[in-house]
Protein backbone atom coordinates (compact mmCIF):
# COMPACT_ATOMS: atom_id res chain seq x y z
CA ARG A 1 79.94 33.53 105.06
CA PHE A 2 78.82 36.91 103.69
CA LYS A 3 80.90 39.05 106.01
CA THR A 4 83.41 40.16 103.36
CA VAL A 5 80.72 40.89 100.76
CA LEU A 6 78.60 42.87 103.22
CA GLU A 7 81.56 44.88 104.45
CA GLY A 8 82.47 45.79 100.86
CA ILE A 9 78.93 46.80 99.96
CA ALA A 10 78.43 48.73 103.19
CA GLN A 11 81.73 50.58 102.91
CA ARG A 12 81.45 51.58 99.26
CA GLY A 13 77.71 52.14 99.47
CA GLY A 14 78.08 54.30 102.56
CA GLN A 15 80.74 56.40 100.88
CA ALA A 16 78.52 56.93 97.85
CA VAL A 17 75.50 57.92 99.98
CA ALA A 18 77.63 60.29 102.07
CA SER A 19 79.03 61.96 98.93
CA LEU A 20 75.56 62.48 97.53
CA ALA A 21 74.36 63.87 100.86
CA ILE A 22 77.24 66.37 101.00
CA ILE A 23 76.60 67.53 97.43
CA GLY A 24 72.89 67.89 98.17
CA TYR A 25 73.54 69.83 101.35
CA SER A 26 75.92 72.22 99.61
CA MET A 27 73.26 73.00 97.06
CA LEU A 28 70.80 73.94 99.82
CA GLU A 29 73.22 76.55 101.28
CA TYR A 30 72.40 75.95 104.99
CA GLY A 31 75.87 76.91 106.19
CA THR A 32 78.60 75.11 108.13
CA SER A 33 76.74 75.05 111.47
CA GLY A 34 73.96 72.92 110.02
CA LEU A 35 76.51 70.60 108.46
CA ALA A 36 78.29 70.23 111.81
CA ILE A 37 75.04 69.34 113.58
CA ALA A 38 74.19 66.73 110.91
CA VAL A 39 77.65 65.17 111.10
CA LEU A 40 77.44 65.03 114.90
CA ALA A 41 74.00 63.40 114.80
CA LEU A 42 75.07 60.84 112.22
CA SER A 43 78.27 60.07 114.16
CA THR A 44 76.25 59.51 117.33
CA ILE A 45 73.90 57.13 115.51
CA TRP A 46 76.89 55.29 114.02
CA MET A 47 78.50 54.85 117.45
CA VAL A 48 75.26 53.58 119.01
CA LEU A 49 74.72 51.07 116.20
CA GLY A 50 78.33 49.91 116.43
CA LEU A 51 78.08 49.29 120.17
CA ARG A 52 74.78 47.43 119.77
CA MET A 53 76.20 45.23 117.01
CA ARG A 54 79.32 44.49 119.06
CA ARG A 55 77.20 43.34 122.00
CA GLY A 56 75.19 41.01 119.80
CA TYR A 57 78.31 39.71 118.10
CA LEU A 58 79.91 38.80 121.43
CA ASP A 59 76.61 37.35 122.74
CA LEU A 60 76.84 34.84 119.91
CA PHE A 61 80.00 33.41 121.48
CA ARG A 62 78.60 33.62 125.00
CA ASP A 63 75.56 31.60 123.94
CA ARG A 64 77.72 28.96 122.32
CA LEU A 65 79.89 28.69 125.41
CA SER A 66 76.92 28.58 127.79
CA SER A 67 75.30 25.75 125.84
CA GLY A 68 78.35 23.61 126.54
CA ARG A 69 78.68 22.44 122.95
CA ILE A 70 79.90 23.61 119.59
CA ASP A 71 78.06 22.88 116.36
CA ALA A 72 80.91 22.24 113.93
CA ARG A 73 78.51 22.36 111.00
CA ALA A 74 77.63 25.99 111.60
CA ASP A 75 79.26 28.69 109.54
CA ILE A 76 80.90 30.78 112.27
CA PRO A 77 82.56 34.10 111.46
CA ASP A 78 86.32 34.39 111.86
CA LEU A 79 87.64 35.19 115.30
CA ASP A 80 88.54 38.78 115.95
CA LEU A 81 90.27 40.22 119.00
CA SER A 82 87.07 40.74 121.02
CA ALA A 83 85.84 37.20 120.38
CA LEU A 84 89.26 35.82 121.27
CA GLU A 85 89.13 37.74 124.55
CA GLN A 86 85.76 36.18 125.31
CA LEU A 87 87.16 32.69 124.71
CA LEU A 88 90.17 33.29 126.93
CA ARG A 89 87.90 34.71 129.62
CA ALA A 90 85.70 31.61 129.35
CA LEU A 91 88.66 29.42 130.31
CA ASN A 92 88.39 30.95 133.80
CA SER A 93 84.72 30.03 134.17
CA GLN A 94 83.50 28.07 137.18
CA ASP A 95 81.33 25.97 134.85
CA ASP A 96 83.20 22.98 133.42
CA ASP A 97 80.96 22.82 130.33
CA THR A 98 81.76 26.43 129.49
CA VAL A 99 85.50 25.75 129.72
CA ILE A 100 85.19 22.62 127.61
CA ALA A 101 83.16 24.50 125.00
CA ALA A 102 85.83 27.23 124.86
CA LEU A 103 88.53 24.61 124.36
CA SER A 104 86.45 23.07 121.58
CA MET A 105 86.24 26.43 119.84
CA PHE A 106 89.99 26.92 120.07
CA SER A 107 90.37 23.54 118.39
CA LEU A 108 87.69 24.30 115.81
CA TYR A 109 89.40 27.56 114.81
CA ARG A 110 92.83 25.88 114.83
CA ARG A 111 94.01 28.17 117.62
CA SER A 112 95.17 25.42 120.00
CA HIS A 113 98.57 27.08 120.27
CA ILE A 114 96.95 29.97 122.17
CA VAL A 115 95.50 27.77 124.94
CA PRO A 116 97.57 28.24 128.13
CA ALA A 117 99.38 25.06 129.13
CA LEU A 118 98.46 25.80 132.76
CA ILE A 119 94.88 24.75 131.93
CA LEU A 120 96.19 21.24 132.64
CA TYR A 121 96.16 22.18 136.34
CA HIS A 122 92.39 22.66 136.25
CA PRO A 123 90.69 20.82 139.16
CA SER A 124 88.21 19.05 136.86
CA SER A 125 89.45 15.86 135.21
CA ARG A 126 86.95 16.42 132.36
CA VAL A 127 88.54 19.77 131.57
CA VAL A 128 92.04 18.31 131.83
CA GLY A 129 91.08 15.51 129.44
CA LYS A 130 89.67 17.97 126.91
CA ALA A 131 92.70 20.23 127.29
CA ALA A 132 94.97 17.26 126.62
CA ASP A 133 93.01 16.51 123.43
CA VAL A 134 93.39 20.12 122.26
CA LEU A 135 97.02 20.59 123.28
CA SER A 136 98.06 17.30 121.67
CA GLN A 137 97.35 18.98 118.31
CA THR A 138 100.32 21.32 118.85
CA ASP A 139 104.11 20.90 118.98
CA ARG A 140 104.61 23.19 121.96
CA VAL A 141 107.53 22.26 124.19
CA ASP A 142 105.93 23.72 127.33
CA VAL A 143 102.96 21.32 127.29
CA SER A 144 104.78 18.09 128.14
CA GLY A 145 106.76 19.93 130.82
CA VAL A 146 103.59 21.01 132.61
CA ALA A 147 102.06 17.56 132.06
CA GLY A 148 105.04 15.94 133.76
CA ARG A 149 103.98 17.44 137.09
CA LEU A 150 100.56 15.79 136.81
CA VAL A 151 101.93 12.25 136.69
CA SER A 152 101.78 12.09 140.49
CA SER A 153 98.22 13.45 140.59
CA HIS A 154 95.78 11.57 142.80
CA ASP A 155 93.12 11.76 140.08
CA PRO A 156 93.48 8.78 137.67
CA ALA A 157 91.85 10.61 134.75
CA SER A 158 94.16 13.63 135.05
CA ARG A 159 97.15 11.32 135.38
CA ALA A 160 96.11 9.48 132.21
CA SER A 161 95.78 12.76 130.31
CA ALA A 162 99.25 13.82 131.40
CA LEU A 163 100.78 10.50 130.38
CA ARG A 164 99.16 10.77 126.97
CA LEU A 165 101.00 14.04 126.34
CA ILE A 166 104.32 12.89 127.78
CA VAL A 167 104.64 9.62 125.86
CA SER A 168 104.38 11.53 122.59
CA ASP A 169 107.52 13.53 123.56
CA PRO A 170 110.66 11.30 123.64
CA GLU A 171 112.68 13.70 125.82
CA GLN A 172 109.95 14.11 128.40
CA PHE A 173 109.37 10.37 128.36
CA ARG A 174 113.02 9.70 129.25
CA ASP A 175 112.71 12.16 132.14
CA LEU A 176 109.56 10.34 133.22
CA GLN A 177 111.39 7.00 133.27
CA GLU A 178 114.04 8.44 135.53
CA GLY A 179 111.86 10.41 137.90
CA VAL A 180 108.58 8.55 138.21
CA GLU A 181 107.87 7.27 141.71
CA VAL A 182 104.56 5.43 141.27
CA ARG A 183 105.55 2.57 139.01
CA ASP A 184 103.03 0.29 140.75
CA ASP A 185 100.23 2.27 139.10
CA PRO A 186 98.94 0.12 136.18
CA VAL A 187 98.33 3.22 134.04
CA ILE A 188 101.92 4.40 134.45
CA ARG A 189 103.26 0.88 133.95
CA GLY A 190 101.29 0.47 130.74
CA MET A 191 102.30 3.86 129.38
CA LEU A 192 105.95 3.21 130.26
CA VAL A 193 105.79 0.04 128.18
CA LEU A 194 104.19 1.94 125.32
CA GLY A 195 106.75 4.72 125.57
CA ARG A 196 109.66 2.27 125.60
CA PHE A 197 108.24 0.70 122.47
CA ASN A 198 107.89 4.11 120.82
CA VAL A 199 111.55 4.96 121.46
CA GLY A 200 112.74 1.52 120.34
CA GLU A 201 113.71 0.04 123.72
CA LEU A 202 111.19 -2.80 123.39
CA GLY A 203 110.15 -4.98 120.47
CA GLU A 204 106.50 -5.40 119.56
CA ASP A 205 106.13 -8.93 120.96
CA GLU A 206 107.86 -8.02 124.21
CA ALA A 207 105.73 -4.90 124.61
CA LYS A 208 102.54 -6.91 124.08
CA ARG A 209 103.68 -9.48 126.62
CA GLU A 210 104.33 -6.87 129.29
CA LEU A 211 101.02 -5.13 128.58
CA SER A 212 99.19 -8.45 128.92
CA GLU A 213 100.62 -8.74 132.44
CA VAL A 214 99.34 -5.26 133.22
CA PHE A 215 95.87 -6.20 131.96
CA ARG A 216 95.74 -9.28 134.19
CA GLU A 217 96.69 -7.39 137.34
CA ALA A 218 94.89 -4.07 136.80
CA SER A 219 91.43 -3.20 138.11
CA ALA A 220 88.61 -2.10 135.82
CA GLU A 221 89.12 1.54 136.87
CA ALA A 222 92.85 1.38 136.12
CA LEU A 223 92.20 -0.14 132.70
CA CYS A 224 89.79 2.71 131.91
CA GLY A 225 92.55 5.16 132.76
CA LEU A 226 94.99 3.26 130.57
CA ALA A 227 92.55 3.27 127.64
CA GLN A 228 92.12 7.02 128.05
CA ALA A 229 95.89 7.53 128.19
CA MET A 230 96.27 5.64 124.90
CA ARG A 231 93.84 7.94 123.13
CA ALA A 232 95.16 9.33 119.83
CA ASN A 233 98.18 6.99 119.96
CA THR A 234 98.66 5.39 116.54
CA SER A 235 101.39 2.85 117.33
CA SER A 236 100.67 -0.79 116.50
CA VAL A 237 101.05 -1.82 120.13
CA ALA A 238 98.59 0.83 121.31
CA MET A 239 95.99 -0.30 118.74
CA TRP A 240 96.51 -3.93 119.78
CA ALA A 241 96.12 -2.95 123.43
CA LEU A 242 92.80 -1.19 122.82
CA VAL A 243 91.41 -4.26 121.03
CA GLU A 244 92.59 -6.52 123.86
CA MET A 245 90.99 -4.34 126.54
CA ALA A 246 87.71 -4.28 124.62
CA SER A 247 87.74 -8.10 124.50
CA LEU A 248 87.52 -8.17 128.30
CA GLY A 249 83.83 -7.27 127.91
CA GLN A 250 83.59 -4.74 130.76
CA PRO A 251 80.98 -2.09 129.77
CA GLU A 252 82.73 0.93 131.33
CA LEU A 253 86.06 -0.14 129.86
CA CYS A 254 84.51 -0.70 126.41
CA SER A 255 83.05 2.81 126.59
CA GLU A 256 86.49 4.33 127.23
CA VAL A 257 88.08 2.14 124.55
CA SER A 258 85.45 3.23 122.00
CA ARG A 259 86.27 6.89 122.74
CA SER A 260 89.96 6.23 122.18
CA MET A 261 89.27 4.36 118.95
CA ALA A 262 87.06 7.19 117.72
CA GLU A 263 89.89 9.69 118.10
CA VAL A 264 92.07 7.88 115.53
CA PRO A 265 89.89 5.31 113.72
CA HIS A 266 91.63 2.37 112.04
CA SER A 267 90.33 -0.52 109.95
CA SER A 268 91.78 -3.03 112.41
CA TYR A 269 89.18 -1.80 114.92
CA LEU A 270 86.20 -2.80 112.75
CA PRO A 271 85.35 -6.17 114.38
CA THR A 272 85.70 -4.65 117.85
CA LEU A 273 83.63 -1.58 117.01
CA VAL A 274 80.82 -3.71 115.57
CA HIS A 275 80.82 -5.88 118.69
CA MET A 276 80.60 -2.78 120.91
CA LEU A 277 77.35 -1.74 119.18
CA GLY A 278 75.71 -4.22 121.54
CA LEU A 279 76.73 -2.12 124.56
CA ARG A 280 74.63 1.00 125.09
CA ILE A 281 77.35 2.87 126.95
CA ALA A 282 79.90 2.34 124.15
CA ARG A 283 77.54 2.61 121.16
CA PRO A 284 77.68 6.39 120.39
CA GLU A 285 81.48 6.54 120.17
CA ALA A 286 81.64 3.23 118.29
CA ARG A 287 79.27 4.68 115.69
CA ARG A 288 81.36 7.83 115.44
CA ALA A 289 84.47 5.77 114.76
CA LEU A 290 82.65 3.64 112.16
CA VAL A 291 81.40 6.70 110.28
CA ALA A 292 84.91 8.16 110.29
CA LEU A 293 86.17 5.00 108.54
CA GLY A 294 83.80 5.65 105.62
CA ASP A 295 82.94 3.15 102.89
CA GLU A 296 85.17 0.44 104.32
CA ALA A 297 83.16 0.41 107.54
CA LEU A 298 79.86 0.55 105.62
CA ARG A 299 80.79 -2.55 103.63
CA TYR A 300 81.92 -4.34 106.78
CA LEU A 301 78.67 -3.55 108.59
CA GLU A 302 76.57 -4.89 105.73
CA GLU A 303 78.64 -8.06 105.36
CA ALA A 304 78.57 -8.71 109.11
CA ALA A 305 74.78 -8.32 109.19
CA LEU A 306 74.17 -10.59 106.20
CA GLN A 307 76.50 -13.37 107.32
CA GLY A 308 74.07 -14.20 110.13
CA GLU A 309 76.79 -14.75 112.76
CA LEU A 310 76.22 -11.63 114.86
CA GLN A 311 74.48 -11.82 118.21
CA ARG A 312 70.94 -10.45 118.19
CA ARG A 313 71.83 -7.62 120.58
CA VAL A 314 74.43 -6.44 118.04
CA LEU A 315 72.49 -7.13 114.84
CA ARG A 316 69.52 -5.01 115.85
CA HIS A 317 71.74 -1.91 116.08
CA ILE A 318 73.39 -2.30 112.67
CA PRO A 319 70.67 -0.43 110.69
CA ARG A 320 70.80 2.63 112.95
CA SER A 321 74.60 2.53 112.70
CA ILE A 322 74.43 2.60 108.89
CA SER A 323 72.09 5.60 108.61
CA PRO A 324 74.74 8.20 109.72
CA PHE A 325 76.83 7.28 106.67
CA ARG A 326 74.32 9.08 104.45
CA GLY A 327 74.53 8.83 100.67
CA GLN A 328 73.17 6.40 98.10
CA ARG A 329 75.48 3.59 99.21
CA ALA A 330 73.91 3.56 102.65
CA VAL A 331 70.42 3.37 101.10
CA ASP A 332 71.41 0.49 98.81
CA SER A 333 73.02 -1.34 101.73
CA LEU A 334 69.87 -1.05 103.86
CA VAL A 335 67.67 -2.26 101.00
CA ARG A 336 69.82 -5.37 100.59
CA MET A 337 69.63 -6.00 104.32
CA TYR A 338 65.84 -5.71 104.31
CA GLN A 339 65.61 -8.20 101.47
CA GLN A 340 67.88 -10.81 103.04
CA ILE A 341 67.50 -10.59 106.84
CA GLU A 342 64.70 -12.72 108.25
CA GLU A 343 64.27 -11.38 111.78
CA GLY A 344 61.25 -9.08 111.83
CA TYR A 345 62.49 -6.66 114.47
CA VAL A 346 65.77 -6.08 112.63
CA ARG A 347 63.93 -5.51 109.36
CA PHE A 348 61.73 -2.97 111.11
CA LYS A 349 64.86 -1.16 112.31
CA VAL A 350 66.14 -1.23 108.71
CA LEU A 351 62.88 0.35 107.56
CA ARG A 352 63.17 3.10 110.15
CA ALA A 353 66.77 3.79 109.11
CA LEU A 354 65.71 3.98 105.46
CA GLY A 355 62.97 6.45 106.29
CA ARG A 356 65.38 8.61 108.26
CA LEU A 357 67.96 8.64 105.46
CA LEU A 358 65.50 9.56 102.74
CA ALA A 359 63.79 12.19 104.89
CA ASP A 360 67.14 13.89 105.57
CA ASP A 361 68.15 13.82 101.89
CA PRO A 362 65.21 13.71 99.43
CA LYS A 363 67.66 13.50 96.52
CA LEU A 364 68.48 9.90 97.42
CA SER A 365 66.64 7.29 95.38
CA ILE A 366 65.19 3.86 96.08
CA ASP A 367 63.84 1.28 93.66
CA THR A 368 60.16 1.95 93.03
CA GLN A 369 59.45 -1.69 92.25
CA PHE A 370 60.88 -2.69 95.63
CA LEU A 371 58.65 -0.17 97.40
CA GLU A 372 55.52 -1.25 95.55
CA SER A 373 56.17 -4.93 96.29
CA GLN A 374 56.62 -4.16 100.00
CA LEU A 375 53.47 -2.04 100.11
CA GLU A 376 51.48 -4.90 98.62
CA ALA A 377 53.10 -7.45 100.94
CA CYS A 378 52.26 -5.38 104.02
CA LEU A 379 48.69 -4.96 102.82
CA ARG A 380 48.24 -8.69 102.24
CA ARG A 381 49.63 -9.38 105.70
CA MET A 382 47.16 -6.95 107.27
CA ILE A 383 44.29 -8.73 105.52
CA LEU A 384 45.59 -12.13 106.63
CA MET A 385 45.90 -11.07 110.28
CA ILE A 386 42.38 -9.62 110.28
CA ASP A 387 41.03 -12.79 108.67
CA CYS A 388 42.64 -15.11 111.24
CA ARG A 389 41.72 -12.89 114.16
CA ALA A 390 38.09 -12.65 113.04
CA SER A 391 37.94 -16.44 112.67
CA ALA A 392 39.35 -16.95 116.18
CA MET A 393 36.94 -14.42 117.67
CA ALA A 394 33.96 -16.06 115.94
CA LEU A 395 34.92 -19.51 117.25
CA ARG A 396 35.46 -18.20 120.78
CA SER A 397 32.06 -16.52 120.83
CA ARG A 398 30.19 -19.62 119.56
CA ARG A 399 31.97 -22.45 121.37
CA ARG A 400 32.32 -22.38 125.16
CA ARG A 401 35.31 -24.72 124.94
CA TYR A 402 37.34 -22.06 123.15
CA GLN A 403 36.67 -19.32 125.69
CA HIS A 404 40.14 -19.86 127.07
CA PRO A 405 43.05 -17.48 127.93
CA ALA A 406 45.13 -19.20 125.23
CA MET A 407 42.64 -18.02 122.59
CA ASP A 408 42.76 -14.50 124.06
CA LEU A 409 46.55 -14.57 123.74
CA LEU A 410 46.33 -15.66 120.10
CA ILE A 411 43.81 -12.92 119.27
CA ASP A 412 45.97 -10.26 120.93
CA THR A 413 49.05 -11.55 119.07
CA LEU A 414 47.26 -11.36 115.72
CA ARG A 415 46.01 -7.86 116.53
CA GLY A 416 49.58 -6.80 117.32
CA LYS A 417 50.85 -8.29 114.05
CA GLU A 418 48.11 -6.46 112.19
CA SER A 419 49.15 -3.18 113.83
CA ASN A 420 52.80 -3.84 112.94
CA ALA A 421 51.90 -4.53 109.31
CA MET A 422 49.91 -1.29 109.15
CA GLU A 423 52.82 0.72 110.54
CA ARG A 424 55.19 -0.86 108.04
CA PHE A 425 52.73 -0.07 105.24
CA PHE A 426 52.67 3.62 106.16
CA ARG A 427 56.42 3.80 106.62
CA PHE A 428 56.93 2.42 103.12
CA LEU A 429 54.23 4.78 101.87
CA ALA A 430 56.12 7.73 103.39
CA ILE A 431 59.25 6.66 101.52
CA ARG A 432 57.26 6.14 98.31
CA HIS A 433 55.71 9.63 98.56
CA PRO A 434 58.31 11.79 100.34
CA ARG A 435 56.51 15.06 99.58
CA GLU A 436 53.36 13.94 101.36
CA ASN A 437 53.12 14.17 105.14
CA ILE A 438 52.24 10.50 105.56
CA HIS A 439 53.19 10.42 109.24
CA VAL A 440 50.47 12.98 109.97
CA VAL A 441 47.97 10.87 108.03
CA PHE A 442 48.92 7.76 110.01
CA LYS A 443 48.65 9.61 113.31
CA GLY A 444 45.24 10.95 112.27
CA LEU A 445 43.97 7.45 111.49
CA MET A 446 44.85 6.42 115.06
CA SER A 447 42.92 9.37 116.53
CA GLU A 448 39.82 8.84 118.66
CA ASP A 449 38.13 11.76 116.88
CA SER A 450 36.03 10.44 113.99
CA ARG A 451 36.39 13.74 112.10
CA VAL A 452 40.18 13.54 112.26
CA ARG A 453 40.09 9.94 111.03
CA ALA A 454 37.78 10.92 108.16
CA GLY A 455 40.09 13.75 107.14
CA SER A 456 43.10 11.43 107.21
CA ARG A 457 41.30 8.89 105.00
CA GLU A 458 40.49 11.67 102.54
CA LEU A 459 44.16 12.60 102.33
CA LEU A 460 45.09 8.95 101.93
CA ASP A 461 42.73 8.60 98.97
CA ASN A 462 44.69 11.26 97.12
CA VAL A 463 48.06 9.59 97.78
CA ILE A 464 47.62 5.87 97.22
CA GLU A 465 47.73 4.59 93.69
CA GLY A 466 47.73 1.16 92.10
CA SER A 467 45.61 -1.97 92.34
CA TYR A 468 45.63 -2.00 96.14
CA ARG A 469 44.16 1.46 96.59
CA PHE A 470 40.59 0.45 97.49
CA ALA A 471 41.75 -2.46 99.64
CA ALA A 472 43.96 -0.13 101.67
CA ARG A 473 41.07 2.34 101.96
CA ALA A 474 38.80 -0.40 103.30
CA LEU A 475 41.30 -1.55 105.93
CA VAL A 476 41.62 1.90 107.50
CA ASP A 477 37.90 2.65 107.39
CA ASP A 478 35.59 2.50 110.42
CA LEU A 479 34.14 -0.90 109.47
CA THR A 480 33.73 -4.27 111.12
CA ASP A 481 36.35 -6.92 110.43
CA ARG A 482 34.02 -8.86 108.15
CA ASP A 483 33.14 -5.74 106.14
CA LYS A 484 36.82 -4.90 105.75
CA LEU A 485 37.56 -8.40 104.49
CA ALA A 486 34.59 -8.32 102.12
CA ARG A 487 35.72 -5.05 100.54
CA ALA A 488 39.34 -6.22 100.27
CA ALA A 489 38.42 -9.68 98.92
CA TYR A 490 38.82 -8.60 95.29
CA TYR A 491 42.48 -7.87 96.02
CA PHE A 492 43.34 -10.73 98.38
CA ASP A 493 41.09 -13.35 100.00
CA PRO A 494 43.12 -15.75 102.19
CA SER A 495 40.06 -17.82 103.15
CA ALA A 496 38.70 -18.52 99.67
CA GLY A 497 37.30 -22.07 99.59
CA PHE A 498 36.64 -22.27 103.34
CA ASN A 499 33.15 -23.08 104.62
CA PRO A 500 32.00 -19.93 106.46
CA LEU A 501 29.29 -21.91 108.28
CA ASP A 502 31.73 -24.34 109.91
CA VAL A 503 33.63 -21.89 112.14
CA GLU A 504 35.62 -24.61 113.88
CA ALA A 505 36.86 -26.26 110.68
CA SER A 506 37.68 -22.86 109.15
CA PHE A 507 39.71 -21.85 112.19
CA MET A 508 41.56 -25.17 112.25
CA LEU A 509 42.70 -24.70 108.68
CA ARG A 510 43.98 -21.24 109.59
CA LEU A 511 45.65 -22.71 112.66
CA ARG A 512 47.50 -25.21 110.49
CA GLY A 513 48.97 -22.33 108.54
CA MET A 514 50.01 -20.55 111.73
CA LEU A 515 51.68 -23.67 113.12
CA GLY A 516 53.93 -23.84 110.06
CA SER A 517 54.64 -20.12 110.00
CA SER A 518 58.19 -18.82 109.75
CA SER A 519 57.11 -16.09 112.16
CA GLU A 520 58.41 -17.37 115.50
CA THR A 521 55.90 -15.46 117.59
CA ILE A 522 52.86 -16.74 115.69
CA ARG A 523 54.23 -20.27 115.66
CA LEU A 524 54.90 -20.37 119.41
CA VAL A 525 51.52 -18.91 120.34
CA SER A 526 49.75 -21.35 118.00
CA ASP A 527 51.63 -24.25 119.59
CA TYR A 528 50.50 -23.01 122.99
CA VAL A 529 46.84 -22.87 121.85
CA VAL A 530 46.99 -26.44 120.52
CA GLU A 531 48.58 -27.67 123.75
CA GLN A 532 46.18 -25.90 126.08
CA LEU A 533 43.00 -26.83 124.22
CA GLY A 534 44.02 -30.31 123.07
CA MET A 535 43.34 -29.50 119.42
CA ASP A 536 44.00 -31.63 116.37
CA PRO A 537 44.13 -29.26 113.39
CA ASP A 538 44.60 -32.13 110.91
CA ALA A 539 41.26 -33.66 111.90
CA HIS A 540 39.43 -31.03 109.84
CA GLU A 541 41.58 -31.32 106.73
CA GLU A 542 39.25 -33.55 104.69
CA GLY A 543 36.72 -31.85 102.47
CA TYR A 544 38.76 -28.72 101.95
CA ASP A 545 41.02 -28.14 98.99
CA ASN A 546 42.33 -24.86 100.35
CA ALA A 547 44.41 -24.47 103.48
CA LEU A 548 46.28 -21.32 104.42
CA ASP A 549 49.84 -21.38 103.15
CA PRO A 550 52.19 -21.16 106.16
CA ASP A 551 54.43 -18.78 104.23
CA LEU A 552 51.67 -16.19 104.35
CA PHE A 553 52.36 -15.80 108.07
CA ALA A 554 56.01 -14.95 107.60
CA GLN A 555 57.32 -11.41 107.49
CA PRO A 556 56.36 -9.42 104.37
CA GLU A 557 57.99 -10.97 101.36
CA ARG A 558 61.48 -9.91 100.33
CA ALA A 559 61.42 -8.63 96.78
């Protein structure tokens, strides 16, 4: 970035310093021999420094090539002749990753026209595929000619890469039609159909019909090759074919289709790309294609999540797929999803995505009122879980009948929900106070070292504000459950009105609330407890005006 400025300063500054040195030397009257020795010494130093800088400059490219990847976000100096020589030399490397990285740099610098077409004869199909991607960016006539000889290759991936280059050249495609000998190959058959459509020999409906026949007869491996061959093809038939192949539901095929869609993203791919988020192998490329589509894809993702028609395995990956969009619109979209989606695990993923977005870009904003309401909701949920768990533990310890594995399961479930509520509380707190290292505080509170926990509580005291400050402080302190509840009672007391002496009746009233909870986990475990122990929670209803509201057991309220 500063190369031009530095060169200007160094050149002019060096000239000025040299002029002053010459004038100063002439005033000292040491003679020409002394001047010659000084010039020789300075020239030697200059040559040594130049050689050392050149070595470091070229090492920069060697390191990038050896790592097997190129960071497109980096500000890389312009290529000079020495760097270009290093890239061309890297194409002869025995390491495939080095060759692929060199090809990526040629593409990054828009020097694809320099890449030798003979790289298509490389023995690695990965290198051939990358070379086809790079060479397809040029209009060179020699590329399709070399690619034509690969059509008969025994490697399906190399054959697909060659077909991708040939179909884009009408003249080479006509030669392919006349000379191809392996028409039984599904990849060649499919690309011949696509090529005939491109040159106007087939109509769209007829091309789709013939491709459908290929899909029915081809193996999964052949379809993967066909999807790869269609990469970067923008014809309507090619886009239709990619969507149709993705609908077959084969994971490996969906992965290849997602890569092809990511090369030239199109809005017609949106439903298919969202569906492929449920497949781990296809998810990275599907996300890359969605991000490339911009605001249109962001709106589609939000609408699809809020409509409630997505499968759970897809819905849970929507938040993480929104976070790469960056910007205020992504934040607003995630907030709306958190407010409207009911499934707890998905909302937790939304919260993580929000935290990641705001941590990467502190300039983004989020409604303070929303954050405060969620902090209070998480805190109230923590208190409620502690209250119910303490009641269950008291009943189990005093009544032999309730010393049952079902009660142990309920207690462990409530403890897990309490832990989840605490984590949510600190994640929201980290968003509310982005300049504070809340994650370190939370980790310290989980430490087994009492001094670390005490230090974390001290830091927490200086961060938390509002009416819930002392209640939050009590819940993270080293106190018994009853002491925590007593200190937090001024803020929220879920058991107000219950008889503390009648542990069975108090627990039954809590159990009634859990049985009506909108939290599926709590509801199912409570049903199991009632079934295993033959309980009748309604039998203890009389004499109490207060019963726990089932809504308290739902996920933190949506504000």
